[in-house]
Structure formats: structure tokens, C-alpha cells
Amino acid sequence: MLNWSRDSADATEVSKTDLKDRPDLLSALMKNPGPFYQTPQGPFWPMKTPLDTEAYLGALEGVQVWEVKGLIDFDALFEAGAELLGQTP
């Protein structure tokens, strides 16, 4: 989950997180499907329909989630990703 900022003074950091403990990160992932989902009755999903946080958490159960925070630094993110994958950058 990209939670970094160009205005941050902190170094880029990648850390494993659990969305059940960090529901604030779900807003970056939860999106209304709008015209990409049509109900079985025919109409499209209304834009103001509330999203189901518990459904997202259930669907993502068992999925590893990593939060990237601090300064936007693609090189640091690449290095962290390579380390997580056991690769040498």
C-alpha cells in the first residue's frame, strides 16, 4: 500500500502490516465499481453505495500487505522489494 508523500522528511520505509489493524489503509484500495459492475437486476452500482469494509477484509484475509511510507523514493522501494524477494539489486 503506497502511503508515502513527497512532502515527508522521513526516509522511505517498507513494513509488513495487517489491514485489520490498519483500516485507514483500506481507503486506498476500496473503490466503487461504478459503471464496471451491473447488478443482476440490470442497473449499475450506484456511486453513493457504501462500501463494505468487512467484505474487503474477508477477501484479503491471508494476503500479505506491505505499507510503503515516508518520502517518495523509487530507488529505495526497488531495493526494499529486491530484499524482500531475496534478490540483489
N, C-alpha and C. Protein backbone atom coordinates (compact mmCIF):
# COMPACT_ATOMS: atom_id res chain seq x y z
N MET A 1 0.85 -1.15 0.00
CA MET A 1 0.00 0.00 0.00
C MET A 1 0.90 1.22 0.00
N LEU A 2 0.78 2.04 -1.02
CA LEU A 2 1.59 3.26 -1.08
C LEU A 2 0.98 4.31 -0.17
N ASN A 3 1.71 4.65 0.85
CA ASN A 3 1.27 5.63 1.83
C ASN A 3 2.40 6.65 2.03
N TRP A 4 3.13 6.89 0.96
CA TRP A 4 4.26 7.80 1.03
C TRP A 4 3.86 9.18 0.58
N SER A 5 4.76 10.15 0.77
CA SER A 5 4.42 11.54 0.45
C SER A 5 5.66 12.29 -0.01
N ARG A 6 5.50 13.10 -1.03
CA ARG A 6 6.64 13.89 -1.49
C ARG A 6 7.03 14.96 -0.48
N ASP A 7 6.14 15.26 0.46
CA ASP A 7 6.41 16.27 1.47
C ASP A 7 7.02 15.68 2.75
N SER A 8 7.20 14.35 2.79
CA SER A 8 7.70 13.71 4.00
C SER A 8 9.19 14.00 4.19
N ALA A 9 9.60 14.12 5.43
CA ALA A 9 11.01 14.26 5.77
C ALA A 9 11.60 12.93 6.19
N ASP A 10 10.75 11.90 6.31
CA ASP A 10 11.20 10.58 6.74
C ASP A 10 11.70 9.76 5.56
N ALA A 11 12.67 8.90 5.82
CA ALA A 11 13.17 8.00 4.79
C ALA A 11 12.07 7.03 4.38
N THR A 12 12.14 6.55 3.16
CA THR A 12 11.18 5.56 2.67
C THR A 12 11.33 4.28 3.48
N GLU A 13 10.22 3.75 3.94
CA GLU A 13 10.22 2.56 4.77
C GLU A 13 9.15 1.60 4.26
N VAL A 14 9.49 0.33 4.19
CA VAL A 14 8.55 -0.71 3.78
C VAL A 14 8.38 -1.66 4.96
N SER A 15 7.14 -1.83 5.41
CA SER A 15 6.91 -2.70 6.55
C SER A 15 5.63 -3.51 6.35
N LYS A 16 5.68 -4.76 6.82
CA LYS A 16 4.52 -5.63 6.73
C LYS A 16 3.44 -5.11 7.68
N THR A 17 2.20 -5.15 7.23
CA THR A 17 1.11 -4.66 8.05
C THR A 17 -0.10 -5.57 7.91
N ASP A 18 -1.01 -5.46 8.82
CA ASP A 18 -2.26 -6.22 8.79
C ASP A 18 -3.40 -5.21 8.64
N LEU A 19 -4.18 -5.35 7.59
CA LEU A 19 -5.25 -4.39 7.35
C LEU A 19 -6.30 -4.38 8.46
N LYS A 20 -6.42 -5.48 9.20
CA LYS A 20 -7.36 -5.48 10.32
C LYS A 20 -6.90 -4.50 11.40
N ASP A 21 -5.58 -4.32 11.50
CA ASP A 21 -5.03 -3.35 12.46
C ASP A 21 -4.89 -1.96 11.87
N ARG A 22 -4.96 -1.85 10.53
CA ARG A 22 -4.78 -0.56 9.86
C ARG A 22 -5.91 -0.30 8.85
N PRO A 23 -7.14 -0.20 9.35
CA PRO A 23 -8.26 0.02 8.43
C PRO A 23 -8.14 1.35 7.67
N ASP A 24 -7.33 2.28 8.18
CA ASP A 24 -7.14 3.54 7.48
C ASP A 24 -6.50 3.34 6.10
N LEU A 25 -5.77 2.25 5.92
CA LEU A 25 -5.15 1.98 4.62
C LEU A 25 -6.14 1.45 3.60
N LEU A 26 -7.28 0.94 4.06
CA LEU A 26 -8.26 0.38 3.14
C LEU A 26 -8.82 1.41 2.16
N SER A 27 -8.85 2.66 2.57
CA SER A 27 -9.42 3.68 1.69
C SER A 27 -8.62 3.82 0.39
N ALA A 28 -7.34 3.44 0.41
CA ALA A 28 -6.54 3.48 -0.81
C ALA A 28 -6.91 2.34 -1.76
N LEU A 29 -7.55 1.33 -1.23
CA LEU A 29 -7.89 0.14 -2.01
C LEU A 29 -9.36 0.06 -2.37
N MET A 30 -10.21 0.51 -1.47
CA MET A 30 -11.66 0.37 -1.67
C MET A 30 -12.15 1.43 -2.66
N LYS A 31 -12.75 0.97 -3.72
CA LYS A 31 -13.28 1.88 -4.74
C LYS A 31 -14.65 1.39 -5.19
N ASN A 32 -15.53 2.31 -5.49
CA ASN A 32 -16.84 1.96 -6.02
C ASN A 32 -16.65 1.50 -7.46
N PRO A 33 -17.24 0.36 -7.85
CA PRO A 33 -17.05 -0.14 -9.21
C PRO A 33 -17.78 0.66 -10.26
N GLY A 34 -18.75 1.48 -9.85
CA GLY A 34 -19.47 2.36 -10.78
C GLY A 34 -19.93 1.63 -12.03
N PRO A 35 -19.54 2.10 -13.22
CA PRO A 35 -20.04 1.50 -14.46
C PRO A 35 -19.41 0.14 -14.78
N PHE A 36 -18.51 -0.33 -13.92
CA PHE A 36 -17.86 -1.62 -14.17
C PHE A 36 -18.57 -2.78 -13.50
N TYR A 37 -19.66 -2.51 -12.80
CA TYR A 37 -20.44 -3.58 -12.18
C TYR A 37 -21.92 -3.31 -12.38
N GLN A 38 -22.58 -4.27 -12.97
CA GLN A 38 -24.02 -4.17 -13.19
C GLN A 38 -24.69 -5.22 -12.31
N THR A 39 -25.69 -4.81 -11.55
CA THR A 39 -26.39 -5.74 -10.66
C THR A 39 -27.18 -6.76 -11.50
N PRO A 40 -27.51 -7.91 -10.91
CA PRO A 40 -28.30 -8.90 -11.65
C PRO A 40 -29.65 -8.36 -12.13
N GLN A 41 -30.16 -7.32 -11.45
CA GLN A 41 -31.45 -6.74 -11.85
C GLN A 41 -31.30 -5.77 -13.03
N GLY A 42 -30.07 -5.40 -13.40
CA GLY A 42 -29.87 -4.55 -14.56
C GLY A 42 -29.18 -3.23 -14.30
N PRO A 43 -29.53 -2.48 -13.23
CA PRO A 43 -28.88 -1.18 -13.06
C PRO A 43 -27.42 -1.33 -12.62
N PHE A 44 -26.67 -0.28 -12.91
CA PHE A 44 -25.28 -0.25 -12.47
C PHE A 44 -25.22 0.12 -11.00
N TRP A 45 -24.12 -0.23 -10.36
CA TRP A 45 -23.90 0.05 -8.94
C TRP A 45 -23.97 1.56 -8.72
N PRO A 46 -24.85 2.04 -7.86
CA PRO A 46 -24.95 3.49 -7.61
C PRO A 46 -23.65 4.02 -6.98
N MET A 47 -23.21 5.17 -7.43
CA MET A 47 -21.94 5.75 -6.96
C MET A 47 -21.94 6.04 -5.46
N LYS A 48 -23.07 6.26 -4.87
CA LYS A 48 -23.12 6.61 -3.45
C LYS A 48 -23.37 5.41 -2.54
N THR A 49 -23.31 4.20 -3.10
CA THR A 49 -23.49 2.99 -2.30
C THR A 49 -22.32 2.84 -1.35
N PRO A 50 -22.58 2.67 -0.05
CA PRO A 50 -21.46 2.49 0.90
C PRO A 50 -20.70 1.20 0.60
N LEU A 51 -19.40 1.25 0.79
CA LEU A 51 -18.57 0.08 0.56
C LEU A 51 -18.47 -0.73 1.85
N ASP A 52 -18.35 -2.04 1.71
CA ASP A 52 -18.36 -2.97 2.84
C ASP A 52 -16.93 -3.30 3.27
N THR A 53 -16.47 -2.65 4.33
CA THR A 53 -15.12 -2.86 4.83
C THR A 53 -14.88 -4.32 5.20
N GLU A 54 -15.84 -4.93 5.85
CA GLU A 54 -15.69 -6.33 6.28
C GLU A 54 -15.54 -7.26 5.08
N ALA A 55 -16.23 -6.97 3.99
CA ALA A 55 -16.11 -7.80 2.79
C ALA A 55 -14.69 -7.69 2.22
N TYR A 56 -14.13 -6.49 2.21
CA TYR A 56 -12.75 -6.31 1.73
C TYR A 56 -11.79 -7.06 2.64
N LEU A 57 -11.95 -6.92 3.96
CA LEU A 57 -11.06 -7.61 4.89
C LEU A 57 -11.16 -9.12 4.72
N GLY A 58 -12.36 -9.63 4.51
CA GLY A 58 -12.54 -11.06 4.29
C GLY A 58 -11.87 -11.53 3.01
N ALA A 59 -12.03 -10.75 1.95
CA ALA A 59 -11.43 -11.12 0.66
C ALA A 59 -9.91 -11.07 0.71
N LEU A 60 -9.37 -10.21 1.56
CA LEU A 60 -7.92 -10.05 1.64
C LEU A 60 -7.28 -10.87 2.75
N GLU A 61 -8.09 -11.64 3.46
CA GLU A 61 -7.55 -12.46 4.54
C GLU A 61 -6.49 -13.42 3.98
N GLY A 62 -5.35 -13.46 4.63
CA GLY A 62 -4.26 -14.32 4.19
C GLY A 62 -3.35 -13.69 3.16
N VAL A 63 -3.68 -12.50 2.69
CA VAL A 63 -2.85 -11.81 1.71
C VAL A 63 -1.84 -10.94 2.46
N GLN A 64 -0.57 -11.07 2.11
CA GLN A 64 0.45 -10.23 2.73
C GLN A 64 0.29 -8.80 2.22
N VAL A 65 0.32 -7.85 3.16
CA VAL A 65 0.20 -6.44 2.79
C VAL A 65 1.42 -5.71 3.34
N TRP A 66 2.02 -4.92 2.50
CA TRP A 66 3.20 -4.14 2.88
C TRP A 66 2.87 -2.67 2.70
N GLU A 67 3.20 -1.88 3.70
CA GLU A 67 2.96 -0.45 3.63
C GLU A 67 4.27 0.25 3.29
N VAL A 68 4.20 1.16 2.33
CA VAL A 68 5.35 1.98 1.96
C VAL A 68 5.04 3.39 2.45
N LYS A 69 5.89 3.89 3.35
CA LYS A 69 5.64 5.23 3.89
C LYS A 69 6.93 6.02 3.90
N GLY A 70 6.81 7.31 4.16
CA GLY A 70 7.96 8.19 4.14
C GLY A 70 8.02 8.94 2.82
N LEU A 71 9.22 9.31 2.45
CA LEU A 71 9.48 10.08 1.23
C LEU A 71 9.29 9.20 -0.01
N ILE A 72 8.78 9.76 -1.09
CA ILE A 72 8.68 9.03 -2.35
C ILE A 72 10.09 8.84 -2.90
N ASP A 73 10.52 7.59 -2.94
CA ASP A 73 11.87 7.25 -3.39
C ASP A 73 11.80 5.90 -4.08
N PHE A 74 11.72 5.91 -5.41
CA PHE A 74 11.56 4.67 -6.16
C PHE A 74 12.78 3.76 -6.03
N ASP A 75 13.97 4.35 -5.93
CA ASP A 75 15.17 3.53 -5.76
C ASP A 75 15.12 2.77 -4.43
N ALA A 76 14.73 3.46 -3.37
CA ALA A 76 14.63 2.81 -2.06
C ALA A 76 13.56 1.72 -2.09
N LEU A 77 12.45 1.98 -2.77
CA LEU A 77 11.39 0.98 -2.88
C LEU A 77 11.88 -0.24 -3.67
N PHE A 78 12.61 0.00 -4.74
CA PHE A 78 13.16 -1.10 -5.53
C PHE A 78 14.10 -1.95 -4.67
N GLU A 79 14.96 -1.30 -3.92
CA GLU A 79 15.91 -2.04 -3.07
C GLU A 79 15.17 -2.84 -1.99
N ALA A 80 14.16 -2.24 -1.38
CA ALA A 80 13.38 -2.96 -0.36
C ALA A 80 12.66 -4.15 -0.98
N GLY A 81 12.09 -3.96 -2.16
CA GLY A 81 11.40 -5.06 -2.84
C GLY A 81 12.36 -6.18 -3.22
N ALA A 82 13.53 -5.82 -3.71
CA ALA A 82 14.52 -6.83 -4.06
C ALA A 82 14.95 -7.61 -2.83
N GLU A 83 15.12 -6.92 -1.71
CA GLU A 83 15.49 -7.59 -0.46
C GLU A 83 14.39 -8.55 -0.01
N LEU A 84 13.13 -8.09 -0.09
CA LEU A 84 12.01 -8.95 0.30
C LEU A 84 11.93 -10.20 -0.57
N LEU A 85 12.31 -10.08 -1.82
CA LEU A 85 12.24 -11.20 -2.75
C LEU A 85 13.53 -12.03 -2.75
N GLY A 86 14.49 -11.63 -1.91
CA GLY A 86 15.74 -12.37 -1.83
C GLY A 86 16.65 -12.17 -3.02
N GLN A 87 16.50 -11.03 -3.66
CA GLN A 87 17.31 -10.70 -4.85
C GLN A 87 18.31 -9.62 -4.47
N THR A 88 19.40 -9.56 -5.20
CA THR A 88 20.38 -8.50 -5.00
C THR A 88 20.12 -7.44 -6.06
N PRO A 89 19.86 -6.20 -5.63
CA PRO A 89 19.59 -5.16 -6.64
C PRO A 89 20.84 -4.81 -7.43
